[in-house]
Amino acid sequence: MCLAVPGRVLSLSDDEPTTRVGRVDFGGVIKEVNLAFAPEAAVGDYVLVHVGFAIAVIDNAEAQRIFAHLREMNELPLAEADRP
């Protein structure tokens, strides 16, 4: 089973579609993520990330639903998920 985790895009670098990366916040853990598969991602957007690649842009409501499921599985501390 594969898992994609939502994170919020903090910044973008490189405008080339195949090499575009962003700094993404995963509840306080910041990682660089390849955005080649989600070229429409913008600062402030939530993206679903799997093995370092953003595979989709999702809206805030969907991100919050995923955070709720992760909390139910005790995989996400409450304080992390409720950050704006």
C-alpha atoms as a PDB file:
ATOM      1  CA  MET A   1       0.000   0.000   0.000  1.00  0.00           C
ATOM      2  CA  CYS A   2       1.239   3.487  -0.838  1.00  0.00           C
ATOM      3  CA  LEU A   3       0.521   6.616   1.130  1.00  0.00           C
ATOM      4  CA  ALA A   4       0.489  10.199  -0.088  1.00  0.00           C
ATOM      5  CA  VAL A   5       0.704  12.835   2.616  1.00  0.00           C
ATOM      6  CA  PRO A   6      -0.629  16.404   2.350  1.00  0.00           C
ATOM      7  CA  GLY A   7       1.679  19.341   2.856  1.00  0.00           C
ATOM      8  CA  ARG A   8       1.433  23.084   2.282  1.00  0.00           C
ATOM      9  CA  VAL A   9       3.666  24.736  -0.311  1.00  0.00           C
ATOM     10  CA  LEU A  10       5.793  27.455   1.308  1.00  0.00           C
ATOM     11  CA  SER A  11       7.934  28.544  -1.620  1.00  0.00           C
ATOM     12  CA  LEU A  12       8.755  27.652  -5.217  1.00  0.00           C
ATOM     13  CA  SER A  13      11.975  27.568  -7.165  1.00  0.00           C
ATOM     14  CA  ASP A  14      12.746  27.010 -10.831  1.00  0.00           C
ATOM     15  CA  ASP A  15      10.119  27.664 -13.461  1.00  0.00           C
ATOM     16  CA  GLU A  16      11.035  24.694 -15.654  1.00  0.00           C
ATOM     17  CA  PRO A  17       8.148  22.199 -15.440  1.00  0.00           C
ATOM     18  CA  THR A  18      10.399  19.141 -15.159  1.00  0.00           C
ATOM     19  CA  THR A  19      12.739  20.557 -12.510  1.00  0.00           C
ATOM     20  CA  ARG A  20      10.349  22.718 -10.495  1.00  0.00           C
ATOM     21  CA  VAL A  21      10.627  22.162  -6.757  1.00  0.00           C
ATOM     22  CA  GLY A  22       8.949  23.644  -3.731  1.00  0.00           C
ATOM     23  CA  ARG A  23       9.560  23.814  -0.024  1.00  0.00           C
ATOM     24  CA  VAL A  24       6.613  22.015   1.549  1.00  0.00           C
ATOM     25  CA  ASP A  25       5.548  22.065   5.211  1.00  0.00           C
ATOM     26  CA  PHE A  26       4.405  18.753   6.677  1.00  0.00           C
ATOM     27  CA  GLY A  27       3.252  19.915  10.106  1.00  0.00           C
ATOM     28  CA  GLY A  28       6.535  21.596  10.939  1.00  0.00           C
ATOM     29  CA  VAL A  29       8.822  19.339   8.930  1.00  0.00           C
ATOM     30  CA  ILE A  30       9.983  21.200   5.817  1.00  0.00           C
ATOM     31  CA  LYS A  31      11.059  19.175   2.775  1.00  0.00           C
ATOM     32  CA  GLU A  32      11.921  19.948  -0.824  1.00  0.00           C
ATOM     33  CA  VAL A  33       9.389  18.314  -3.129  1.00  0.00           C
ATOM     34  CA  ASN A  34       9.452  17.822  -6.895  1.00  0.00           C
ATOM     35  CA  LEU A  35       6.424  19.559  -8.437  1.00  0.00           C
ATOM     36  CA  ALA A  36       6.747  18.210 -11.998  1.00  0.00           C
ATOM     37  CA  PHE A  37       3.509  16.217 -11.668  1.00  0.00           C
ATOM     38  CA  ALA A  38       1.612  19.158 -10.142  1.00  0.00           C
ATOM     39  CA  PRO A  39       2.705  22.147 -12.251  1.00  0.00           C
ATOM     40  CA  GLU A  40      -0.303  24.190 -11.137  1.00  0.00           C
ATOM     41  CA  ALA A  41       0.832  24.167  -7.477  1.00  0.00           C
ATOM     42  CA  ALA A  42       1.250  27.626  -5.990  1.00  0.00           C
ATOM     43  CA  VAL A  43       2.457  28.990  -2.663  1.00  0.00           C
ATOM     44  CA  GLY A  44      -0.200  28.285  -0.042  1.00  0.00           C
ATOM     45  CA  ASP A  45      -1.675  25.292  -1.867  1.00  0.00           C
ATOM     46  CA  TYR A  46      -1.870  21.851  -0.319  1.00  0.00           C
ATOM     47  CA  VAL A  47      -0.278  19.079  -2.354  1.00  0.00           C
ATOM     48  CA  LEU A  48      -0.375  15.318  -1.909  1.00  0.00           C
ATOM     49  CA  VAL A  49       3.193  14.035  -1.779  1.00  0.00           C
ATOM     50  CA  HIS A  50       4.404  10.503  -2.408  1.00  0.00           C
ATOM     51  CA  VAL A  51       8.131   9.640  -2.229  1.00  0.00           C
ATOM     52  CA  GLY A  52       9.199  13.240  -2.766  1.00  0.00           C
ATOM     53  CA  PHE A  53       6.850  14.024  -5.657  1.00  0.00           C
ATOM     54  CA  ALA A  54       3.690  16.122  -5.451  1.00  0.00           C
ATOM     55  CA  ILE A  55       1.110  14.042  -7.286  1.00  0.00           C
ATOM     56  CA  ALA A  56      -1.892  16.375  -6.956  1.00  0.00           C
ATOM     57  CA  VAL A  57      -3.026  19.740  -5.667  1.00  0.00           C
ATOM     58  CA  ILE A  58      -5.888  19.425  -3.185  1.00  0.00           C
ATOM     59  CA  ASP A  59      -8.118  22.006  -1.567  1.00  0.00           C
ATOM     60  CA  ASN A  60      -7.997  22.911   2.109  1.00  0.00           C
ATOM     61  CA  ALA A  61     -11.144  20.888   2.918  1.00  0.00           C
ATOM     62  CA  GLU A  62      -9.644  17.705   1.463  1.00  0.00           C
ATOM     63  CA  ALA A  63      -6.366  18.284   3.334  1.00  0.00           C
ATOM     64  CA  GLN A  64      -8.309  18.684   6.582  1.00  0.00           C
ATOM     65  CA  ARG A  65     -10.224  15.420   5.917  1.00  0.00           C
ATOM     66  CA  ILE A  66      -6.926  13.595   5.421  1.00  0.00           C
ATOM     67  CA  PHE A  67      -5.517  15.133   8.612  1.00  0.00           C
ATOM     68  CA  ALA A  68      -8.637  13.930  10.479  1.00  0.00           C
ATOM     69  CA  HIS A  69      -8.124  10.369   9.220  1.00  0.00           C
ATOM     70  CA  LEU A  70      -4.447  10.484  10.198  1.00  0.00           C
ATOM     71  CA  ARG A  71      -5.441  11.678  13.692  1.00  0.00           C
ATOM     72  CA  GLU A  72      -7.910   8.780  13.969  1.00  0.00           C
ATOM     73  CA  MET A  73      -5.020   6.403  13.256  1.00  0.00           C
ATOM     74  CA  ASN A  74      -2.831   8.228  15.819  1.00  0.00           C
ATOM     75  CA  GLU A  75      -0.420   9.140  13.025  1.00  0.00           C
ATOM     76  CA  LEU A  76      -0.762  12.905  13.402  1.00  0.00           C
ATOM     77  CA  PRO A  77      -0.707  14.903  16.635  1.00  0.00           C
ATOM     78  CA  LEU A  78      -3.742  17.142  17.062  1.00  0.00           C
ATOM     79  CA  ALA A  79      -1.675  20.316  17.293  1.00  0.00           C
ATOM     80  CA  GLU A  80       0.078  19.590  13.990  1.00  0.00           C
ATOM     81  CA  ALA A  81      -3.141  19.028  12.055  1.00  0.00           C
ATOM     82  CA  ASP A  82      -4.916  22.099  13.308  1.00  0.00           C
ATOM     83  CA  ARG A  83      -2.294  24.580  12.130  1.00  0.00           C
ATOM     84  CA  PRO A  84      -3.674  27.196   9.732  1.00  0.00           C
END
